[in-house]
Structure formats: structure tokens, C-alpha cells
């Protein structure tokens, strides 16, 4: 029951950062991170059925994916304001960096 409740509490945060990262930064790395997050939450939930230490890797991995999505959102917002105020667009650079970093999410 406790793991199901934890998943329910984390889901709105996940959806918010997933949508912001996809809309403001890049869709492909955000979608990849979203799929990874769903698999990690499943691992967390199954780990909770065993010993308590089995759920910890899934929990920490999920937090790292949420942080990645949050940083993608912040980068997209900063790029929007740089375009609005200074006229300099770094969208191509941000998309390249996020596409290069997203496979690193597979490292446990």
C-alpha cells in the first residue's frame, strides 16, 4: 500500500516536468526519460514487495530522471527568455546536449 501511495504522489510531479521538458526543450530526450521513469517506478514498486533495500535503487534512479527532466525544463525556459530579451537562440545547442546526455540515464 505504501509503495502505491508513493507512486501516486510522485506522478503529478513527473507529468508536469515531462510536459515542460517536451514542450520547452526537446521531445525525443523527454520521451526517452519518461519511458525510463515508468520502468524505474515499476522496479521500485516490485522492489517494495521484497526487502526494503531492493526498492532503494529504483527510488534513487527515479529521482535522477526527474532531475534531468527538471533541468531540461529550466534550460528551455532560459532559452525562451534569452530569445525574448537578447535575441540569441541556443535551441540547437540545448537539443544537442540533451540528446547526448539522455543515453547516460541508462547508467545505474
Protein backbone atom coordinates (compact mmCIF):
# COMPACT_ATOMS: atom_id res chain seq x y z
CA UNK A 1 0.00 0.00 0.00
CA UNK A 2 2.80 2.40 0.89
CA UNK A 3 4.62 1.98 -2.44
CA UNK A 4 1.40 2.51 -4.38
CA UNK A 5 0.77 5.68 -2.42
CA UNK A 6 4.33 6.90 -3.12
CA UNK A 7 3.85 6.31 -6.85
CA UNK A 8 0.59 8.23 -6.79
CA UNK A 9 2.18 11.18 -5.05
CA UNK A 10 5.13 11.34 -7.47
CA UNK A 11 3.04 11.02 -10.64
CA UNK A 12 1.78 14.66 -10.89
CA UNK A 13 5.33 15.95 -10.50
CA UNK A 14 6.50 13.57 -13.19
CA UNK A 15 3.77 14.67 -15.60
CA UNK A 16 4.49 18.36 -15.02
CA UNK A 17 8.23 18.14 -15.68
CA UNK A 18 7.72 15.72 -18.58
CA UNK A 19 5.35 18.10 -20.38
CA UNK A 20 7.51 21.15 -19.67
CA UNK A 21 10.68 19.40 -20.86
CA UNK A 22 8.96 18.14 -24.01
CA UNK A 23 7.36 21.46 -24.91
CA UNK A 24 10.15 23.83 -23.95
CA UNK A 25 13.28 21.85 -24.73
CA UNK A 26 13.25 18.67 -26.83
CA UNK A 27 10.65 15.98 -27.30
CA UNK A 28 12.79 12.91 -28.01
CA UNK A 29 15.00 13.02 -24.86
CA UNK A 30 11.97 13.90 -22.76
CA UNK A 31 10.02 10.93 -24.12
CA UNK A 32 13.02 8.63 -23.54
CA UNK A 33 13.36 9.87 -19.96
CA UNK A 34 9.62 9.43 -19.45
CA UNK A 35 9.73 5.81 -20.56
CA UNK A 36 12.76 5.19 -18.37
CA UNK A 37 10.90 6.72 -15.42
CA UNK A 38 7.95 4.38 -15.92
CA UNK A 39 10.23 1.34 -15.95
CA UNK A 40 12.08 2.60 -12.87
CA UNK A 41 8.85 3.15 -10.94
CA UNK A 42 7.85 -0.42 -11.79
CA UNK A 43 11.20 -1.61 -10.42
CA UNK A 44 10.62 0.49 -7.29
CA UNK A 45 7.16 -0.97 -6.82
CA UNK A 46 8.32 -4.58 -7.29
CA UNK A 47 11.31 -3.93 -5.02
CA UNK A 48 8.96 -2.81 -2.28
CA UNK A 49 7.39 -6.28 -2.27
CA UNK A 50 10.74 -7.80 -1.26
CA UNK A 51 13.22 -6.38 1.19
CA UNK A 52 13.29 -2.65 1.76
CA UNK A 53 16.79 -2.34 0.28
CA UNK A 54 15.55 -3.67 -3.07
CA UNK A 55 13.40 -0.58 -3.64
CA UNK A 56 16.17 1.96 -2.96
CA UNK A 57 17.90 1.75 -6.38
CA UNK A 58 14.60 2.32 -8.18
CA UNK A 59 13.81 5.28 -5.96
CA UNK A 60 17.20 6.95 -6.48
CA UNK A 61 17.17 6.26 -10.22
CA UNK A 62 13.70 7.83 -10.47
CA UNK A 63 14.88 10.95 -8.66
CA UNK A 64 17.77 11.28 -11.12
CA UNK A 65 15.38 11.10 -14.07
CA UNK A 66 13.09 13.72 -12.52
CA UNK A 67 16.13 15.97 -12.02
CA UNK A 68 17.10 15.52 -15.69
CA UNK A 69 13.60 16.47 -16.84
CA UNK A 70 13.56 19.45 -14.49
CA UNK A 71 16.91 20.69 -15.84
CA UNK A 72 15.61 20.30 -19.39
CA UNK A 73 12.61 22.44 -18.45
CA UNK A 74 14.81 25.11 -16.89
CA UNK A 75 17.06 25.15 -19.96
CA UNK A 76 14.02 25.61 -22.20
CA UNK A 77 12.70 28.47 -20.08
CA UNK A 78 16.09 30.18 -20.02
CA UNK A 79 16.36 29.84 -23.79
CA UNK A 80 12.93 31.43 -24.21
CA UNK A 81 13.95 34.43 -22.14
CA UNK A 82 17.30 34.73 -23.94
CA UNK A 83 15.44 34.87 -27.26
CA UNK A 84 12.87 37.32 -25.89
CA UNK A 85 15.30 39.78 -24.29
CA UNK A 86 18.57 39.39 -26.20
CA UNK A 87 17.63 37.75 -29.48
CA UNK A 88 20.13 34.91 -29.11
CA UNK A 89 18.77 31.42 -29.65
CA UNK A 90 20.53 28.39 -28.16
CA UNK A 91 17.83 25.86 -29.00
CA UNK A 92 20.03 23.79 -31.32
CA UNK A 93 22.78 23.58 -28.71
CA UNK A 94 20.35 22.63 -25.95
CA UNK A 95 18.76 19.91 -28.10
CA UNK A 96 22.19 18.52 -28.98
CA UNK A 97 23.28 18.44 -25.34
CA UNK A 98 20.07 16.82 -24.08
CA UNK A 99 20.17 14.23 -26.87
CA UNK A 100 23.74 13.38 -25.93
CA UNK A 101 23.05 13.21 -22.19
CA UNK A 102 19.81 11.20 -22.30
CA UNK A 103 21.51 7.83 -23.00
CA UNK A 104 23.54 8.40 -19.84
CA UNK A 105 20.31 7.86 -17.89
CA UNK A 106 20.74 4.14 -18.57
CA UNK A 107 23.79 4.01 -16.30
CA UNK A 108 22.63 2.82 -12.88
